[in-house]
C-alpha atoms as a PDB file:
ATOM      1  CA  HIS A   1     -31.050 -99.696  -4.081  1.00  0.00           C
ATOM      2  CA  GLY A   2     -33.266 -99.048  -7.087  1.00  0.00           C
ATOM      3  CA  ASP A   3     -36.186-100.887  -8.671  1.00  0.00           C
ATOM      4  CA  GLY A   4     -37.497-103.805  -6.683  1.00  0.00           C
ATOM      5  CA  MET A   5     -36.289-102.842  -3.197  1.00  0.00           C
ATOM      6  CA  GLU A   6     -38.717-103.039  -0.297  1.00  0.00           C
ATOM      7  CA  ALA A   7     -37.927-102.869   3.405  1.00  0.00           C
ATOM      8  CA  GLY A   8     -40.086-104.582   5.989  1.00  0.00           C
ATOM      9  CA  GLY A   9     -39.941-105.102   9.715  1.00  0.00           C
ATOM     10  CA  PRO A  10     -37.641-103.338  12.164  1.00  0.00           C
ATOM     11  CA  LYS A  11     -34.756-101.270  10.829  1.00  0.00           C
ATOM     12  CA  GLY A  12     -31.667-103.027  12.219  1.00  0.00           C
ATOM     13  CA  SER A  13     -32.863-103.594  15.780  1.00  0.00           C
ATOM     14  CA  SER A  14     -36.069-105.015  17.143  1.00  0.00           C
ATOM     15  CA  GLY A  15     -35.851-103.151  20.455  1.00  0.00           C
ATOM     16  CA  ILE A  16     -36.446-104.869  23.796  1.00  0.00           C
ATOM     17  CA  GLY A  17     -38.828-107.828  23.814  1.00  0.00           C
ATOM     18  CA  THR A  18     -39.165-111.113  21.997  1.00  0.00           C
ATOM     19  CA  ALA A  19     -37.115-111.805  18.871  1.00  0.00           C
ATOM     20  CA  GLN A  20     -38.518-110.719  15.526  1.00  0.00           C
ATOM     21  CA  ASP A  21     -36.838-111.072  12.151  1.00  0.00           C
ATOM     22  CA  ALA A  22     -36.091-107.946  10.151  1.00  0.00           C
ATOM     23  CA  ILE A  23     -36.235-108.326   6.369  1.00  0.00           C
ATOM     24  CA  LEU A  24     -34.893-106.315   3.449  1.00  0.00           C
ATOM     25  CA  ARG A  25     -36.602-107.570   0.266  1.00  0.00           C
ATOM     26  CA  PHE A  26     -35.596-107.235  -3.378  1.00  0.00           C
ATOM     27  CA  VAL A  27     -38.234-108.201  -5.968  1.00  0.00           C
ATOM     28  CA  VAL A  28     -36.503-109.368  -9.158  1.00  0.00           C
ATOM     29  CA  PRO A  29     -37.592-107.098 -12.055  1.00  0.00           C
ATOM     30  CA  ALA A  30     -36.442-109.338 -14.965  1.00  0.00           C
ATOM     31  CA  ASP A  31     -35.227-112.882 -15.682  1.00  0.00           C
ATOM     32  CA  GLY A  32     -31.445-113.306 -15.555  1.00  0.00           C
ATOM     33  CA  GLN A  33     -28.330-113.939 -13.538  1.00  0.00           C
ATOM     34  CA  TYR A  34     -27.916-111.732 -10.459  1.00  0.00           C
ATOM     35  CA  SER A  35     -24.674-111.033  -8.636  1.00  0.00           C
ATOM     36  CA  ILE A  36     -25.282-110.619  -4.909  1.00  0.00           C
ATOM     37  CA  ASN A  37     -22.592-109.175  -2.625  1.00  0.00           C
ATOM     38  CA  ALA A  38     -23.051-108.749   1.109  1.00  0.00           C
ATOM     39  CA  THR A  39     -20.592-107.400   3.652  1.00  0.00           C
ATOM     40  CA  PHE A  40     -21.597-107.377   7.308  1.00  0.00           C
ATOM     41  CA  SER A  41     -20.242-107.130  10.825  1.00  0.00           C
ATOM     42  CA  ARG A  42     -21.696-106.883  14.300  1.00  0.00           C
ATOM     43  CA  TYR A  43     -21.327-103.968  16.697  1.00  0.00           C
ATOM     44  CA  ASP A  44     -23.006-102.681  19.879  1.00  0.00           C
ATOM     45  CA  GLN A  45     -23.281-106.325  20.947  1.00  0.00           C
ATOM     46  CA  LYS A  46     -25.694-107.107  23.722  1.00  0.00           C
ATOM     47  CA  LEU A  47     -27.195-110.424  22.565  1.00  0.00           C
ATOM     48  CA  PRO A  48     -25.829-114.001  22.381  1.00  0.00           C
ATOM     49  CA  SER A  49     -26.050-114.265  18.586  1.00  0.00           C
ATOM     50  CA  VAL A  50     -27.475-112.758  15.468  1.00  0.00           C
ATOM     51  CA  THR A  51     -27.925-114.532  12.113  1.00  0.00           C
ATOM     52  CA  LEU A  52     -27.938-112.897   8.710  1.00  0.00           C
ATOM     53  CA  SER A  53     -29.197-114.972   5.804  1.00  0.00           C
ATOM     54  CA  LEU A  54     -30.155-114.605   2.171  1.00  0.00           C
ATOM     55  CA  ARG A  55     -33.305-116.359   0.980  1.00  0.00           C
ATOM     56  CA  LYS A  56     -34.455-116.746  -2.609  1.00  0.00           C
ATOM     57  CA  ASN A  57     -38.213-117.160  -2.377  1.00  0.00           C
ATOM     58  CA  ASP A  58     -38.459-119.723   0.482  1.00  0.00           C
ATOM     59  CA  ALA A  59     -35.025-121.356   0.042  1.00  0.00           C
ATOM     60  CA  THR A  60     -31.959-120.324   2.051  1.00  0.00           C
ATOM     61  CA  VAL A  61     -29.028-119.398  -0.228  1.00  0.00           C
ATOM     62  CA  TRP A  62     -26.598-118.751   2.664  1.00  0.00           C
ATOM     63  CA  SER A  63     -26.714-118.118   6.387  1.00  0.00           C
ATOM     64  CA  LYS A  64     -24.127-116.812   8.858  1.00  0.00           C
ATOM     65  CA  SER A  65     -24.487-116.754  12.642  1.00  0.00           C
ATOM     66  CA  ILE A  66     -22.382-114.156  14.462  1.00  0.00           C
ATOM     67  CA  LYS A  67     -21.730-114.781  18.150  1.00  0.00           C
ATOM     68  CA  VAL A  68     -21.263-112.142  20.834  1.00  0.00           C
ATOM     69  CA  ASN A  69     -17.823-110.446  20.817  1.00  0.00           C
ATOM     70  CA  ASP A  70     -17.205-111.484  17.186  1.00  0.00           C
ATOM     71  CA  THR A  71     -16.137-108.272  15.437  1.00  0.00           C
ATOM     72  CA  THR A  72     -15.083-109.961  12.193  1.00  0.00           C
ATOM     73  CA  THR A  73     -16.287-108.408   8.941  1.00  0.00           C
ATOM     74  CA  TYR A  74     -17.822-111.150   6.782  1.00  0.00           C
ATOM     75  CA  SER A  75     -18.476-111.195   3.037  1.00  0.00           C
ATOM     76  CA  GLU A  76     -20.734-113.404   0.938  1.00  0.00           C
ATOM     77  CA  ARG A  77     -20.743-113.328  -2.855  1.00  0.00           C
ATOM     78  CA  ARG A  78     -23.035-115.396  -5.053  1.00  0.00           C
ATOM     79  CA  THR A  79     -24.395-115.337  -8.582  1.00  0.00           C
ATOM     80  CA  ILE A  80     -27.809-116.937  -8.880  1.00  0.00           C
ATOM     81  CA  SER A  81     -30.370-117.423 -11.618  1.00  0.00           C
ATOM     82  CA  CYS A  82     -33.639-115.587 -10.985  1.00  0.00           C
ATOM     83  CA  ARG A  83     -36.985-115.139 -12.690  1.00  0.00           C
ATOM     84  CA  ARG A  84     -39.056-111.988 -12.733  1.00  0.00           C
ATOM     85  CA  GLY A  85     -41.070-111.772  -9.507  1.00  0.00           C
ATOM     86  CA  ASP A  86     -38.666-113.922  -7.432  1.00  0.00           C
ATOM     87  CA  THR A  87     -37.881-112.428  -4.037  1.00  0.00           C
ATOM     88  CA  LEU A  88     -34.423-112.096  -2.527  1.00  0.00           C
ATOM     89  CA  ASP A  89     -34.676-111.496   1.221  1.00  0.00           C
ATOM     90  CA  PHE A  90     -31.836-110.443   3.513  1.00  0.00           C
ATOM     91  CA  VAL A  91     -33.072-111.684   6.891  1.00  0.00           C
ATOM     92  CA  TYR A  92     -31.755-110.575  10.300  1.00  0.00           C
ATOM     93  CA  SER A  93     -32.646-113.169  12.971  1.00  0.00           C
ATOM     94  CA  TYR A  94     -32.047-112.557  16.654  1.00  0.00           C
ATOM     95  CA  SER A  95     -31.808-115.375  19.180  1.00  0.00           C
ATOM     96  CA  GLY A  96     -34.007-115.274  22.265  1.00  0.00           C
ATOM     97  CA  VAL A  97     -34.941-111.988  23.884  1.00  0.00           C
ATOM     98  CA  VAL A  98     -33.965-108.920  21.920  1.00  0.00           C
ATOM     99  CA  GLY A  99     -32.160-105.912  23.339  1.00  0.00           C
ATOM    100  CA  TRP A 100     -30.299-103.327  21.305  1.00  0.00           C
ATOM    101  CA  ASP A 101     -27.978-105.154  18.934  1.00  0.00           C
ATOM    102  CA  TRP A 102     -26.913-103.948  15.522  1.00  0.00           C
ATOM    103  CA  LEU A 103     -25.353-105.237  12.307  1.00  0.00           C
ATOM    104  CA  SER A 104     -23.425-103.054   9.911  1.00  0.00           C
ATOM    105  CA  THR A 105     -24.440-104.206   6.429  1.00  0.00           C
ATOM    106  CA  ASP A 106     -23.739-103.383   2.797  1.00  0.00           C
ATOM    107  CA  PHE A 107     -25.703-105.230   0.072  1.00  0.00           C
ATOM    108  CA  THR A 108     -25.322-105.013  -3.688  1.00  0.00           C
ATOM    109  CA  ILE A 109     -27.551-106.798  -6.204  1.00  0.00           C
ATOM    110  CA  ALA A 110     -26.798-106.443  -9.921  1.00  0.00           C
ATOM    111  CA  ARG A 111     -28.158-108.186 -12.998  1.00  0.00           C
ATOM    112  CA  THR A 112     -25.192-109.651 -14.881  1.00  0.00           C
ATOM    113  CA  ARG A 113     -27.036-111.034 -17.936  1.00  0.00           C
END
């Protein structure tokens, strides 16, 4: 939330049809170290798997695949060095044909220095 946030693609579910990634993008406003916290879990499960990942520019920082019937709440915490204009993308990837499947997510990005 705040400067640099952009949302693109579907909002949490791609509907019925072929799989499409949904992306929440943060554009880094200033050089520095950024603390990134993500908490996520799957609910209303109708698909084989869903993957949530964090990408810095084109490189994957972390990725977690959540299988059907997995109701675990997962957390990822990282501090990474960023330059102004870098992009941090939270990417929701659905496997195969998409129905109605949702992730509960909470993301925090904060500049630490």
